[in-house]
Amino acid sequence: MAIQAKICGLSTAETVATAVRGGADYVGFVFFPPSPRYVTPVQAGALAKNVPRHVRKVAVVVDAGDQELAAIRDQIPIDLWQCHGEEDCRRLAAIRQQFGVPVMKALSVSAPRDLDSAEAFEECADMLMFDAKAPEGSVIPGGNARAFDWSLLAGRGWRRPWMLSGGLTADNVGEAVRRTGARLVDVSSGVEERRGIKSPAKIEAFLAAVRHLES
């Protein structure tokens, strides 16, 4: 089975083009102002114009209200909402119903008990994301260049497609896939030259590493 890759936190035309050219299956835009990767809906809309239809455009939001989501939807043809806050099943269902777009729920992981809520979210989310829990005091829930213990996912089965995130790089994505069985991987800080600034060369290397896993 092919392994799909998401490049998240894109904010420039050059890095979006690099991700598309390199074979990314998903491109992510962060709509959370405290993040160093934040883009406005208008900025994301301009960036998305050159993204082909087969590449899924992901809106990363954190406890966003309907007005904020509508402003995003009005500027960019979103294929997937990535809810990375404290959204519960009721909120996910409301977002899907109102906007008619699939929803992925990000779960923060640092210990076995953090996976306990995954079963409940399988009932209301179209996809799951397992990401490393943010360090204490962090104002952003993801993109912190942290990995969690991948063995926590080994041998686990989920009824929804799921994505592995947190601390991935071109150097470790192969090990991460082997240890977890992930078929969807997400990277943000692992393809940056400095915090919030993506490196085209690192994007290319990450996507090449993922392609290598498929061969």
N, C-alpha and C. Protein backbone atom coordinates (compact mmCIF):
# COMPACT_ATOMS: atom_id res chain seq x y z
N MET A 1 0.84 -1.19 0.00
CA MET A 1 0.00 0.00 0.00
C MET A 1 0.87 1.24 0.00
N ALA A 2 0.49 2.23 -0.81
CA ALA A 2 1.24 3.47 -0.90
C ALA A 2 1.18 4.23 0.42
N ILE A 3 2.24 4.96 0.71
CA ILE A 3 2.27 5.82 1.89
C ILE A 3 2.05 7.25 1.42
N GLN A 4 1.10 7.92 2.04
CA GLN A 4 0.77 9.28 1.65
C GLN A 4 1.40 10.27 2.63
N ALA A 5 1.72 11.45 2.10
CA ALA A 5 2.41 12.45 2.91
C ALA A 5 1.67 13.77 2.88
N LYS A 6 1.67 14.42 4.03
CA LYS A 6 1.12 15.77 4.16
C LYS A 6 2.24 16.71 4.59
N ILE A 7 2.38 17.80 3.86
CA ILE A 7 3.31 18.86 4.24
C ILE A 7 2.47 19.97 4.85
N CYS A 8 2.70 20.26 6.11
CA CYS A 8 1.83 21.18 6.84
C CYS A 8 2.53 22.49 7.16
N GLY A 9 1.73 23.53 7.35
CA GLY A 9 2.28 24.82 7.74
C GLY A 9 2.93 25.57 6.60
N LEU A 10 2.43 25.35 5.39
CA LEU A 10 2.99 26.04 4.22
C LEU A 10 2.53 27.49 4.20
N SER A 11 3.43 28.38 3.77
CA SER A 11 3.08 29.80 3.79
C SER A 11 3.64 30.60 2.62
N THR A 12 4.34 29.93 1.70
CA THR A 12 4.88 30.64 0.54
C THR A 12 4.57 29.86 -0.73
N ALA A 13 4.52 30.59 -1.85
CA ALA A 13 4.24 29.95 -3.14
C ALA A 13 5.35 28.95 -3.48
N GLU A 14 6.58 29.27 -3.14
CA GLU A 14 7.70 28.38 -3.47
C GLU A 14 7.56 27.03 -2.76
N THR A 15 7.24 27.06 -1.48
CA THR A 15 7.17 25.80 -0.74
C THR A 15 5.92 25.00 -1.12
N VAL A 16 4.83 25.68 -1.43
CA VAL A 16 3.65 24.97 -1.92
C VAL A 16 3.98 24.26 -3.23
N ALA A 17 4.64 24.97 -4.13
CA ALA A 17 5.01 24.37 -5.42
C ALA A 17 5.97 23.20 -5.23
N THR A 18 6.90 23.33 -4.29
CA THR A 18 7.83 22.24 -4.01
C THR A 18 7.10 21.01 -3.50
N ALA A 19 6.14 21.21 -2.60
CA ALA A 19 5.36 20.09 -2.06
C ALA A 19 4.57 19.39 -3.15
N VAL A 20 3.93 20.17 -4.01
CA VAL A 20 3.13 19.59 -5.09
C VAL A 20 4.03 18.84 -6.07
N ARG A 21 5.12 19.47 -6.45
CA ARG A 21 6.04 18.85 -7.40
C ARG A 21 6.66 17.57 -6.83
N GLY A 22 6.87 17.55 -5.53
CA GLY A 22 7.49 16.39 -4.90
C GLY A 22 6.54 15.24 -4.65
N GLY A 23 5.26 15.46 -4.89
CA GLY A 23 4.30 14.37 -4.76
C GLY A 23 3.52 14.34 -3.46
N ALA A 24 3.44 15.47 -2.76
CA ALA A 24 2.63 15.50 -1.54
C ALA A 24 1.18 15.19 -1.87
N ASP A 25 0.54 14.44 -0.99
CA ASP A 25 -0.87 14.10 -1.17
C ASP A 25 -1.78 15.11 -0.48
N TYR A 26 -1.24 15.78 0.53
CA TYR A 26 -1.97 16.79 1.28
C TYR A 26 -1.04 18.00 1.48
N VAL A 27 -1.62 19.18 1.44
CA VAL A 27 -0.90 20.39 1.85
C VAL A 27 -1.75 21.07 2.92
N GLY A 28 -1.08 21.49 4.00
CA GLY A 28 -1.79 22.05 5.14
C GLY A 28 -1.50 23.52 5.34
N PHE A 29 -2.55 24.27 5.66
CA PHE A 29 -2.44 25.69 5.96
C PHE A 29 -2.95 25.91 7.38
N VAL A 30 -2.18 26.63 8.17
CA VAL A 30 -2.48 26.81 9.59
C VAL A 30 -3.21 28.12 9.82
N PHE A 31 -4.42 28.03 10.38
CA PHE A 31 -5.23 29.20 10.66
C PHE A 31 -5.37 29.42 12.16
N PHE A 32 -4.23 29.46 12.82
CA PHE A 32 -4.19 29.64 14.27
C PHE A 32 -3.16 30.73 14.56
N PRO A 33 -3.62 31.96 14.86
CA PRO A 33 -2.71 33.12 14.93
C PRO A 33 -1.47 32.95 15.79
N PRO A 34 -1.51 32.23 16.94
CA PRO A 34 -0.27 32.12 17.72
C PRO A 34 0.83 31.32 17.02
N SER A 35 0.48 30.55 16.00
CA SER A 35 1.47 29.71 15.34
C SER A 35 2.39 30.55 14.44
N PRO A 36 3.68 30.21 14.42
CA PRO A 36 4.60 30.91 13.50
C PRO A 36 4.31 30.56 12.04
N ARG A 37 3.42 29.60 11.81
CA ARG A 37 3.07 29.19 10.44
C ARG A 37 1.71 29.74 10.01
N TYR A 38 1.18 30.65 10.80
CA TYR A 38 -0.16 31.19 10.54
C TYR A 38 -0.24 31.90 9.20
N VAL A 39 -1.33 31.63 8.49
CA VAL A 39 -1.67 32.40 7.28
C VAL A 39 -3.13 32.83 7.41
N THR A 40 -3.45 33.94 6.79
CA THR A 40 -4.84 34.39 6.77
C THR A 40 -5.59 33.62 5.69
N PRO A 41 -6.91 33.61 5.76
CA PRO A 41 -7.67 32.96 4.70
C PRO A 41 -7.35 33.51 3.31
N VAL A 42 -7.17 34.80 3.21
CA VAL A 42 -6.86 35.40 1.91
C VAL A 42 -5.49 34.91 1.42
N GLN A 43 -4.51 34.88 2.29
CA GLN A 43 -3.19 34.38 1.91
C GLN A 43 -3.26 32.92 1.47
N ALA A 44 -3.97 32.10 2.23
CA ALA A 44 -4.09 30.69 1.89
C ALA A 44 -4.83 30.50 0.57
N GLY A 45 -5.84 31.32 0.34
CA GLY A 45 -6.57 31.22 -0.91
C GLY A 45 -5.67 31.47 -2.11
N ALA A 46 -4.78 32.46 -1.99
CA ALA A 46 -3.85 32.74 -3.07
C ALA A 46 -2.87 31.58 -3.27
N LEU A 47 -2.40 31.00 -2.18
CA LEU A 47 -1.47 29.88 -2.27
C LEU A 47 -2.13 28.64 -2.87
N ALA A 48 -3.39 28.45 -2.57
CA ALA A 48 -4.09 27.24 -3.02
C ALA A 48 -4.46 27.26 -4.49
N LYS A 49 -4.42 28.41 -5.11
CA LYS A 49 -4.84 28.50 -6.51
C LYS A 49 -4.01 27.62 -7.43
N ASN A 50 -2.77 27.38 -7.07
CA ASN A 50 -1.90 26.57 -7.92
C ASN A 50 -1.76 25.13 -7.43
N VAL A 51 -2.62 24.73 -6.50
CA VAL A 51 -2.60 23.36 -6.01
C VAL A 51 -3.57 22.53 -6.85
N PRO A 52 -3.10 21.50 -7.53
CA PRO A 52 -4.01 20.70 -8.36
C PRO A 52 -5.08 20.01 -7.53
N ARG A 53 -6.15 19.65 -8.20
CA ARG A 53 -7.32 19.13 -7.50
C ARG A 53 -7.02 17.83 -6.76
N HIS A 54 -6.07 17.02 -7.27
CA HIS A 54 -5.83 15.73 -6.63
C HIS A 54 -5.05 15.85 -5.32
N VAL A 55 -4.48 17.02 -5.05
CA VAL A 55 -3.78 17.25 -3.79
C VAL A 55 -4.78 17.87 -2.82
N ARG A 56 -4.98 17.22 -1.69
CA ARG A 56 -6.01 17.66 -0.75
C ARG A 56 -5.52 18.83 0.10
N LYS A 57 -6.35 19.85 0.17
CA LYS A 57 -6.03 21.07 0.91
C LYS A 57 -6.64 20.98 2.31
N VAL A 58 -5.79 21.11 3.31
CA VAL A 58 -6.19 20.90 4.70
C VAL A 58 -6.13 22.22 5.46
N ALA A 59 -7.21 22.53 6.16
CA ALA A 59 -7.25 23.71 7.02
C ALA A 59 -7.02 23.27 8.45
N VAL A 60 -5.93 23.72 9.05
CA VAL A 60 -5.61 23.38 10.44
C VAL A 60 -6.18 24.47 11.35
N VAL A 61 -7.12 24.07 12.21
CA VAL A 61 -7.79 25.03 13.09
C VAL A 61 -7.75 24.53 14.53
N VAL A 62 -7.88 25.47 15.44
CA VAL A 62 -7.84 25.15 16.88
C VAL A 62 -9.03 25.81 17.56
N ASP A 63 -10.02 24.98 17.88
CA ASP A 63 -11.22 25.47 18.57
C ASP A 63 -11.83 26.68 17.84
N ALA A 64 -11.91 26.59 16.53
CA ALA A 64 -12.40 27.71 15.73
C ALA A 64 -13.93 27.78 15.75
N GLY A 65 -14.46 28.98 15.74
CA GLY A 65 -15.89 29.20 15.68
C GLY A 65 -16.40 29.15 14.25
N ASP A 66 -17.71 29.14 14.11
CA ASP A 66 -18.31 29.04 12.78
C ASP A 66 -17.92 30.21 11.88
N GLN A 67 -17.84 31.40 12.44
CA GLN A 67 -17.50 32.57 11.63
C GLN A 67 -16.08 32.44 11.07
N GLU A 68 -15.17 31.97 11.89
CA GLU A 68 -13.79 31.77 11.43
C GLU A 68 -13.72 30.70 10.35
N LEU A 69 -14.44 29.62 10.54
CA LEU A 69 -14.43 28.55 9.54
C LEU A 69 -15.05 29.02 8.23
N ALA A 70 -16.11 29.79 8.32
CA ALA A 70 -16.75 30.30 7.11
C ALA A 70 -15.81 31.23 6.34
N ALA A 71 -15.05 32.03 7.06
CA ALA A 71 -14.10 32.94 6.40
C ALA A 71 -13.04 32.15 5.65
N ILE A 72 -12.62 31.02 6.21
CA ILE A 72 -11.64 30.16 5.53
C ILE A 72 -12.27 29.53 4.31
N ARG A 73 -13.45 28.94 4.49
CA ARG A 73 -14.15 28.26 3.41
C ARG A 73 -14.44 29.19 2.23
N ASP A 74 -14.69 30.45 2.53
CA ASP A 74 -15.00 31.42 1.47
C ASP A 74 -13.80 31.76 0.61
N GLN A 75 -12.60 31.49 1.10
CA GLN A 75 -11.38 31.87 0.37
C GLN A 75 -10.65 30.69 -0.26
N ILE A 76 -10.88 29.49 0.26
CA ILE A 76 -10.10 28.33 -0.19
C ILE A 76 -11.00 27.10 -0.23
N PRO A 77 -10.93 26.32 -1.30
CA PRO A 77 -11.76 25.11 -1.40
C PRO A 77 -11.17 23.98 -0.54
N ILE A 78 -11.53 23.99 0.72
CA ILE A 78 -10.99 23.05 1.69
C ILE A 78 -11.48 21.63 1.40
N ASP A 79 -10.56 20.67 1.50
CA ASP A 79 -10.90 19.25 1.36
C ASP A 79 -11.00 18.54 2.70
N LEU A 80 -10.39 19.13 3.73
CA LEU A 80 -10.35 18.48 5.04
C LEU A 80 -10.09 19.52 6.12
N TRP A 81 -10.91 19.48 7.17
CA TRP A 81 -10.63 20.27 8.37
C TRP A 81 -9.78 19.43 9.31
N GLN A 82 -8.68 19.99 9.80
CA GLN A 82 -7.87 19.33 10.83
C GLN A 82 -8.12 20.07 12.14
N CYS A 83 -8.86 19.45 13.03
CA CYS A 83 -9.23 20.08 14.29
C CYS A 83 -8.22 19.70 15.35
N HIS A 84 -7.45 20.67 15.80
CA HIS A 84 -6.28 20.39 16.64
C HIS A 84 -6.43 20.96 18.05
N GLY A 85 -7.68 21.23 18.44
CA GLY A 85 -7.88 21.79 19.78
C GLY A 85 -8.61 20.83 20.70
N GLU A 86 -9.58 21.38 21.44
CA GLU A 86 -10.35 20.58 22.40
C GLU A 86 -11.72 20.21 21.84
N GLU A 87 -11.86 20.21 20.53
CA GLU A 87 -13.16 19.91 19.92
C GLU A 87 -13.63 18.51 20.32
N ASP A 88 -14.92 18.41 20.69
CA ASP A 88 -15.48 17.11 21.03
C ASP A 88 -16.30 16.58 19.85
N CYS A 89 -16.90 15.41 20.04
CA CYS A 89 -17.63 14.79 18.93
C CYS A 89 -18.79 15.66 18.45
N ARG A 90 -19.46 16.29 19.38
CA ARG A 90 -20.58 17.14 18.98
C ARG A 90 -20.11 18.27 18.07
N ARG A 91 -18.98 18.86 18.40
CA ARG A 91 -18.46 19.96 17.59
C ARG A 91 -18.00 19.46 16.22
N LEU A 92 -17.35 18.32 16.17
CA LEU A 92 -16.91 17.78 14.89
C LEU A 92 -18.10 17.49 13.98
N ALA A 93 -19.14 16.91 14.56
CA ALA A 93 -20.33 16.62 13.76
C ALA A 93 -20.97 17.90 13.23
N ALA A 94 -20.98 18.94 14.05
CA ALA A 94 -21.57 20.21 13.62
C ALA A 94 -20.76 20.83 12.48
N ILE A 95 -19.44 20.75 12.57
CA ILE A 95 -18.59 21.30 11.51
C ILE A 95 -18.83 20.56 10.21
N ARG A 96 -18.88 19.24 10.27
CA ARG A 96 -19.11 18.46 9.05
C ARG A 96 -20.47 18.78 8.44
N GLN A 97 -21.47 18.86 9.29
CA GLN A 97 -22.81 19.11 8.79
C GLN A 97 -22.93 20.49 8.17
N GLN A 98 -22.35 21.49 8.80
CA GLN A 98 -22.49 22.86 8.32
C GLN A 98 -21.69 23.12 7.06
N PHE A 99 -20.49 22.54 6.97
CA PHE A 99 -19.61 22.89 5.86
C PHE A 99 -19.47 21.79 4.82
N GLY A 100 -19.98 20.61 5.10
CA GLY A 100 -19.97 19.53 4.12
C GLY A 100 -18.58 19.07 3.73
N VAL A 101 -17.65 19.16 4.66
CA VAL A 101 -16.25 18.79 4.41
C VAL A 101 -15.81 17.81 5.49
N PRO A 102 -15.08 16.74 5.13
CA PRO A 102 -14.61 15.78 6.14
C PRO A 102 -13.76 16.44 7.22
N VAL A 103 -13.73 15.80 8.38
CA VAL A 103 -13.04 16.34 9.55
C VAL A 103 -12.04 15.32 10.07
N MET A 104 -10.82 15.79 10.34
CA MET A 104 -9.80 14.96 10.98
C MET A 104 -9.56 15.50 12.38
N LYS A 105 -9.61 14.62 13.38
CA LYS A 105 -9.36 15.04 14.76
C LYS A 105 -7.94 14.67 15.16
N ALA A 106 -7.17 15.68 15.59
CA ALA A 106 -5.81 15.46 16.07
C ALA A 106 -5.84 15.14 17.56
N LEU A 107 -5.14 14.07 17.94
CA LEU A 107 -5.06 13.63 19.33
C LEU A 107 -3.62 13.75 19.82
N SER A 108 -3.43 14.38 20.96
CA SER A 108 -2.10 14.57 21.52
C SER A 108 -1.71 13.35 22.34
N VAL A 109 -0.51 12.81 22.07
CA VAL A 109 -0.10 11.54 22.67
C VAL A 109 1.23 11.68 23.40
N SER A 110 1.26 11.19 24.63
CA SER A 110 2.54 11.04 25.33
C SER A 110 2.56 9.77 26.17
N ALA A 111 1.39 9.17 26.39
CA ALA A 111 1.27 7.97 27.22
C ALA A 111 0.14 7.10 26.70
N PRO A 112 0.10 5.82 27.07
CA PRO A 112 -0.96 4.93 26.57
C PRO A 112 -2.37 5.46 26.80
N ARG A 113 -2.61 6.11 27.91
CA ARG A 113 -3.96 6.59 28.23
C ARG A 113 -4.43 7.65 27.23
N ASP A 114 -3.50 8.29 26.55
CA ASP A 114 -3.89 9.33 25.60
C ASP A 114 -4.58 8.76 24.37
N LEU A 115 -4.46 7.46 24.18
CA LEU A 115 -5.12 6.82 23.05
C LEU A 115 -6.54 6.38 23.38
N ASP A 116 -6.92 6.51 24.64
CA ASP A 116 -8.23 6.01 25.06
C ASP A 116 -9.38 6.72 24.35
N SER A 117 -9.19 8.00 24.03
CA SER A 117 -10.28 8.76 23.41
C SER A 117 -10.42 8.49 21.92
N ALA A 118 -9.45 7.77 21.34
CA ALA A 118 -9.49 7.56 19.89
C ALA A 118 -10.74 6.80 19.47
N GLU A 119 -11.14 5.81 20.26
CA GLU A 119 -12.32 5.03 19.89
C GLU A 119 -13.56 5.90 19.80
N ALA A 120 -13.73 6.80 20.73
CA ALA A 120 -14.89 7.68 20.71
C ALA A 120 -14.87 8.57 19.47
N PHE A 121 -13.70 9.07 19.10
CA PHE A 121 -13.62 9.95 17.94
C PHE A 121 -13.79 9.19 16.62
N GLU A 122 -13.60 7.88 16.65
CA GLU A 122 -13.88 7.11 15.44
C GLU A 122 -15.35 7.19 15.05
N GLU A 123 -16.20 7.50 16.02
CA GLU A 123 -17.63 7.59 15.75
C GLU A 123 -18.02 8.90 15.08
N CYS A 124 -17.16 9.90 15.15
CA CYS A 124 -17.57 11.23 14.67
C CYS A 124 -16.57 11.91 13.75
N ALA A 125 -15.35 11.39 13.65
CA ALA A 125 -14.34 11.98 12.77
C ALA A 125 -14.13 11.08 11.56
N ASP A 126 -13.82 11.70 10.44
CA ASP A 126 -13.54 10.94 9.22
C ASP A 126 -12.14 10.37 9.23
N MET A 127 -11.23 11.05 9.93
CA MET A 127 -9.85 10.61 10.05
C MET A 127 -9.36 10.96 11.45
N LEU A 128 -8.28 10.30 11.87
CA LEU A 128 -7.61 10.60 13.12
C LEU A 128 -6.16 11.00 12.83
N MET A 129 -5.61 11.84 13.69
CA MET A 129 -4.19 12.16 13.65
C MET A 129 -3.62 11.92 15.04
N PHE A 130 -2.50 11.21 15.10
CA PHE A 130 -1.80 11.01 16.36
C PHE A 130 -0.54 11.88 16.33
N ASP A 131 -0.49 12.86 17.22
CA ASP A 131 0.59 13.84 17.27
C ASP A 131 1.18 13.84 18.67
N ALA A 132 2.41 14.29 18.77
CA ALA A 132 3.05 14.37 20.09
C ALA A 132 2.41 15.48 20.92
N LYS A 133 2.25 15.20 22.20
CA LYS A 133 1.71 16.21 23.10
C LYS A 133 2.67 17.39 23.19
N ALA A 134 2.12 18.59 23.16
CA ALA A 134 2.95 19.79 23.22
C ALA A 134 3.67 19.90 24.56
N PRO A 135 4.85 20.51 24.57
CA PRO A 135 5.55 20.69 25.85
C PRO A 135 4.78 21.65 26.76
N GLU A 136 4.97 21.52 28.04
CA GLU A 136 4.28 22.39 28.99
C GLU A 136 4.60 23.85 28.70
N GLY A 137 3.57 24.66 28.64
CA GLY A 137 3.75 26.07 28.39
C GLY A 137 3.67 26.47 26.93
N SER A 138 3.60 25.49 26.03
CA SER A 138 3.51 25.81 24.61
C SER A 138 2.14 26.40 24.30
N VAL A 139 2.12 27.39 23.42
CA VAL A 139 0.84 27.99 23.02
C VAL A 139 0.28 27.35 21.76
N ILE A 140 1.06 26.47 21.14
CA ILE A 140 0.56 25.80 19.94
C ILE A 140 0.52 24.30 20.20
N PRO A 141 -0.55 23.62 19.75
CA PRO A 141 -0.71 22.21 20.07
C PRO A 141 0.12 21.28 19.20
N GLY A 142 0.60 21.74 18.06
CA GLY A 142 1.39 20.89 17.17
C GLY A 142 2.53 21.66 16.56
N GLY A 143 3.35 20.97 15.75
CA GLY A 143 4.48 21.64 15.12
C GLY A 143 5.57 22.01 16.10
N ASN A 144 5.77 21.18 17.12
CA ASN A 144 6.75 21.48 18.16
C ASN A 144 8.03 20.66 18.06
N ALA A 145 8.22 19.97 16.92
CA ALA A 145 9.44 19.19 16.69
C ALA A 145 9.62 18.10 17.74
N ARG A 146 8.52 17.56 18.21
CA ARG A 146 8.56 16.50 19.23
C ARG A 146 7.93 15.24 18.69
N ALA A 147 8.55 14.10 19.00
CA ALA A 147 7.96 12.81 18.67
C ALA A 147 7.48 12.15 19.95
N PHE A 148 6.52 11.24 19.84
CA PHE A 148 6.13 10.44 20.98
C PHE A 148 6.62 9.02 20.79
N ASP A 149 6.38 8.18 21.76
CA ASP A 149 6.84 6.79 21.70
C ASP A 149 6.01 6.04 20.66
N TRP A 150 6.59 5.79 19.50
CA TRP A 150 5.85 5.16 18.40
C TRP A 150 5.37 3.76 18.75
N SER A 151 6.01 3.11 19.69
CA SER A 151 5.58 1.76 20.05
C SER A 151 4.16 1.74 20.62
N LEU A 152 3.66 2.91 21.06
CA LEU A 152 2.29 2.98 21.57
C LEU A 152 1.26 2.64 20.49
N LEU A 153 1.64 2.83 19.23
CA LEU A 153 0.72 2.56 18.12
C LEU A 153 0.95 1.19 17.49
N ALA A 154 2.04 0.55 17.84
CA ALA A 154 2.38 -0.73 17.20
C ALA A 154 1.28 -1.76 17.44
N GLY A 155 0.82 -2.36 16.37
CA GLY A 155 -0.18 -3.41 16.46
C GLY A 155 -1.59 -2.93 16.72
N ARG A 156 -1.79 -1.62 16.82
CA ARG A 156 -3.12 -1.10 17.06
C ARG A 156 -3.89 -0.98 15.74
N GLY A 157 -5.18 -1.20 15.81
CA GLY A 157 -6.03 -1.06 14.64
C GLY A 157 -7.10 -0.02 14.88
N TRP A 158 -7.42 0.74 13.85
CA TRP A 158 -8.43 1.78 13.97
C TRP A 158 -9.41 1.66 12.81
N ARG A 159 -10.64 2.01 13.06
CA ARG A 159 -11.67 1.88 12.04
C ARG A 159 -11.69 3.07 11.08
N ARG A 160 -10.94 4.08 11.38
CA ARG A 160 -10.82 5.25 10.52
C ARG A 160 -9.38 5.37 10.01
N PRO A 161 -9.19 5.95 8.82
CA PRO A 161 -7.82 6.23 8.39
C PRO A 161 -7.14 7.13 9.42
N TRP A 162 -5.84 6.93 9.62
CA TRP A 162 -5.15 7.75 10.61
C TRP A 162 -3.79 8.19 10.09
N MET A 163 -3.36 9.32 10.62
CA MET A 163 -2.13 9.97 10.19
C MET A 163 -1.18 10.09 11.36
N LEU A 164 0.09 9.83 11.12
CA LEU A 164 1.12 9.96 12.15
C LEU A 164 1.82 11.31 12.01
N SER A 165 1.97 12.01 13.12
CA SER A 165 2.60 13.32 13.12
C SER A 165 3.49 13.44 14.35
N GLY A 166 4.33 14.45 14.35
CA GLY A 166 5.14 14.73 15.53
C GLY A 166 6.59 14.33 15.38
N GLY A 167 7.45 15.31 15.12
CA GLY A 167 8.89 15.06 15.10
C GLY A 167 9.41 14.27 13.92
N LEU A 168 8.61 14.13 12.86
CA LEU A 168 9.08 13.36 11.71
C LEU A 168 10.05 14.18 10.86
N THR A 169 11.01 13.49 10.28
CA THR A 169 11.99 14.09 9.36
C THR A 169 12.27 13.10 8.25
N ALA A 170 13.03 13.54 7.28
CA ALA A 170 13.44 12.63 6.21
C ALA A 170 14.25 11.47 6.77
N ASP A 171 14.98 11.72 7.85
CA ASP A 171 15.86 10.69 8.41
C ASP A 171 15.11 9.63 9.23
N ASN A 172 13.99 9.99 9.83
CA ASN A 172 13.33 9.02 10.72
C ASN A 172 11.97 8.54 10.24
N VAL A 173 11.46 9.07 9.12
CA VAL A 173 10.12 8.68 8.70
C VAL A 173 10.04 7.19 8.38
N GLY A 174 11.13 6.62 7.85
CA GLY A 174 11.12 5.19 7.56
C GLY A 174 10.96 4.36 8.82
N GLU A 175 11.71 4.70 9.85
CA GLU A 175 11.59 3.97 11.12
C GLU A 175 10.20 4.16 11.71
N ALA A 176 9.68 5.37 11.63
CA ALA A 176 8.36 5.65 12.18
C ALA A 176 7.28 4.80 11.50
N VAL A 177 7.36 4.68 10.20
CA VAL A 177 6.38 3.88 9.46
C VAL A 177 6.52 2.41 9.81
N ARG A 178 7.75 1.94 9.90
CA ARG A 178 7.96 0.53 10.22
C ARG A 178 7.45 0.19 11.63
N ARG A 179 7.63 1.10 12.57
CA ARG A 179 7.26 0.81 13.95
C ARG A 179 5.76 0.98 14.22
N THR A 180 5.10 1.81 13.45
CA THR A 180 3.69 2.10 13.72
C THR A 180 2.74 1.49 12.70
N GLY A 181 3.24 1.19 11.51
CA GLY A 181 2.35 0.75 10.45
C GLY A 181 1.59 1.88 9.79
N ALA A 182 2.00 3.12 10.03
CA ALA A 182 1.31 4.28 9.45
C ALA A 182 1.35 4.24 7.94
N ARG A 183 0.25 4.66 7.33
CA ARG A 183 0.19 4.80 5.88
C ARG A 183 -0.05 6.24 5.46
N LEU A 184 -0.20 7.10 6.47
CA LEU A 184 -0.32 8.54 6.25
C LEU A 184 0.62 9.23 7.22
N VAL A 185 1.48 10.11 6.71
CA VAL A 185 2.44 10.79 7.59
C VAL A 185 2.36 12.30 7.35
N ASP A 186 2.61 13.03 8.42
CA ASP A 186 2.49 14.49 8.40
C ASP A 186 3.78 15.10 8.94
N VAL A 187 4.24 16.16 8.26
CA VAL A 187 5.47 16.83 8.71
C VAL A 187 5.27 18.33 8.65
N SER A 188 5.86 19.02 9.62
CA SER A 188 5.87 20.49 9.61
C SER A 188 7.24 20.99 10.02
N SER A 189 7.54 20.92 11.32
CA SER A 189 8.83 21.43 11.79
C SER A 189 10.00 20.65 11.19
N GLY A 190 9.78 19.39 10.84
CA GLY A 190 10.86 18.57 10.29
C GLY A 190 11.32 18.95 8.91
N VAL A 191 10.63 19.90 8.27
CA VAL A 191 11.07 20.38 6.96
C VAL A 191 11.29 21.89 6.99
N GLU A 192 11.72 22.37 8.17
CA GLU A 192 11.96 23.81 8.31
C GLU A 192 13.44 24.12 8.48
N GLU A 193 13.84 25.25 7.94
CA GLU A 193 15.22 25.72 8.14
C GLU A 193 15.33 26.48 9.45
N ARG A 194 14.26 27.12 9.86
CA ARG A 194 14.12 27.69 11.20
C ARG A 194 12.63 27.73 11.51
N ARG A 195 12.30 27.96 12.74
CA ARG A 195 10.91 27.82 13.19
C ARG A 195 9.95 28.62 12.33
N GLY A 196 9.03 27.93 11.70
CA GLY A 196 8.01 28.58 10.88
C GLY A 196 8.40 28.81 9.45
N ILE A 197 9.66 28.60 9.10
CA ILE A 197 10.15 28.87 7.74
C ILE A 197 10.52 27.55 7.08
N LYS A 198 9.74 27.15 6.08
CA LYS A 198 9.97 25.88 5.40
C LYS A 198 11.18 25.94 4.48
N SER A 199 11.85 24.80 4.36
CA SER A 199 13.01 24.64 3.48
C SER A 199 12.59 23.80 2.28
N PRO A 200 12.63 24.35 1.07
CA PRO A 200 12.31 23.55 -0.11
C PRO A 200 13.14 22.28 -0.20
N ALA A 201 14.42 22.38 0.14
CA ALA A 201 15.29 21.21 0.06
C ALA A 201 14.85 20.12 1.03
N LYS A 202 14.42 20.52 2.24
CA LYS A 202 13.98 19.53 3.22
C LYS A 202 12.62 18.93 2.84
N ILE A 203 11.77 19.72 2.23
CA ILE A 203 10.50 19.18 1.72
C ILE A 203 10.78 18.12 0.67
N GLU A 204 11.67 18.42 -0.26
CA GLU A 204 12.03 17.47 -1.31
C GLU A 204 12.59 16.19 -0.70
N ALA A 205 13.47 16.34 0.30
CA ALA A 205 14.10 15.17 0.91
C ALA A 205 13.08 14.31 1.64
N PHE A 206 12.15 14.96 2.33
CA PHE A 206 11.13 14.20 3.07
C PHE A 206 10.26 13.41 2.10
N LEU A 207 9.79 14.05 1.05
CA LEU A 207 8.92 13.36 0.10
C LEU A 207 9.68 12.27 -0.65
N ALA A 208 10.95 12.48 -0.90
CA ALA A 208 11.76 11.43 -1.52
C ALA A 208 11.90 10.23 -0.58
N ALA A 209 12.06 10.50 0.70
CA ALA A 209 12.16 9.42 1.68
C ALA A 209 10.87 8.61 1.75
N VAL A 210 9.74 9.29 1.65
CA VAL A 210 8.46 8.59 1.66
C VAL A 210 8.30 7.75 0.40
N ARG A 211 8.68 8.31 -0.74
CA ARG A 211 8.60 7.53 -1.99
C ARG A 211 9.49 6.30 -1.92
N HIS A 212 10.64 6.43 -1.27
CA HIS A 212 11.56 5.31 -1.14
C HIS A 212 10.92 4.16 -0.35
N LEU A 213 10.08 4.51 0.61
CA LEU A 213 9.41 3.48 1.40
C LEU A 213 8.43 2.66 0.55
N GLU A 214 7.93 3.26 -0.52
CA GLU A 214 6.96 2.60 -1.37
C GLU A 214 7.61 1.68 -2.37
N SER A 215 8.92 1.85 -2.60
CA SER A 215 9.60 1.09 -3.67
C SER A 215 10.11 -0.24 -3.14
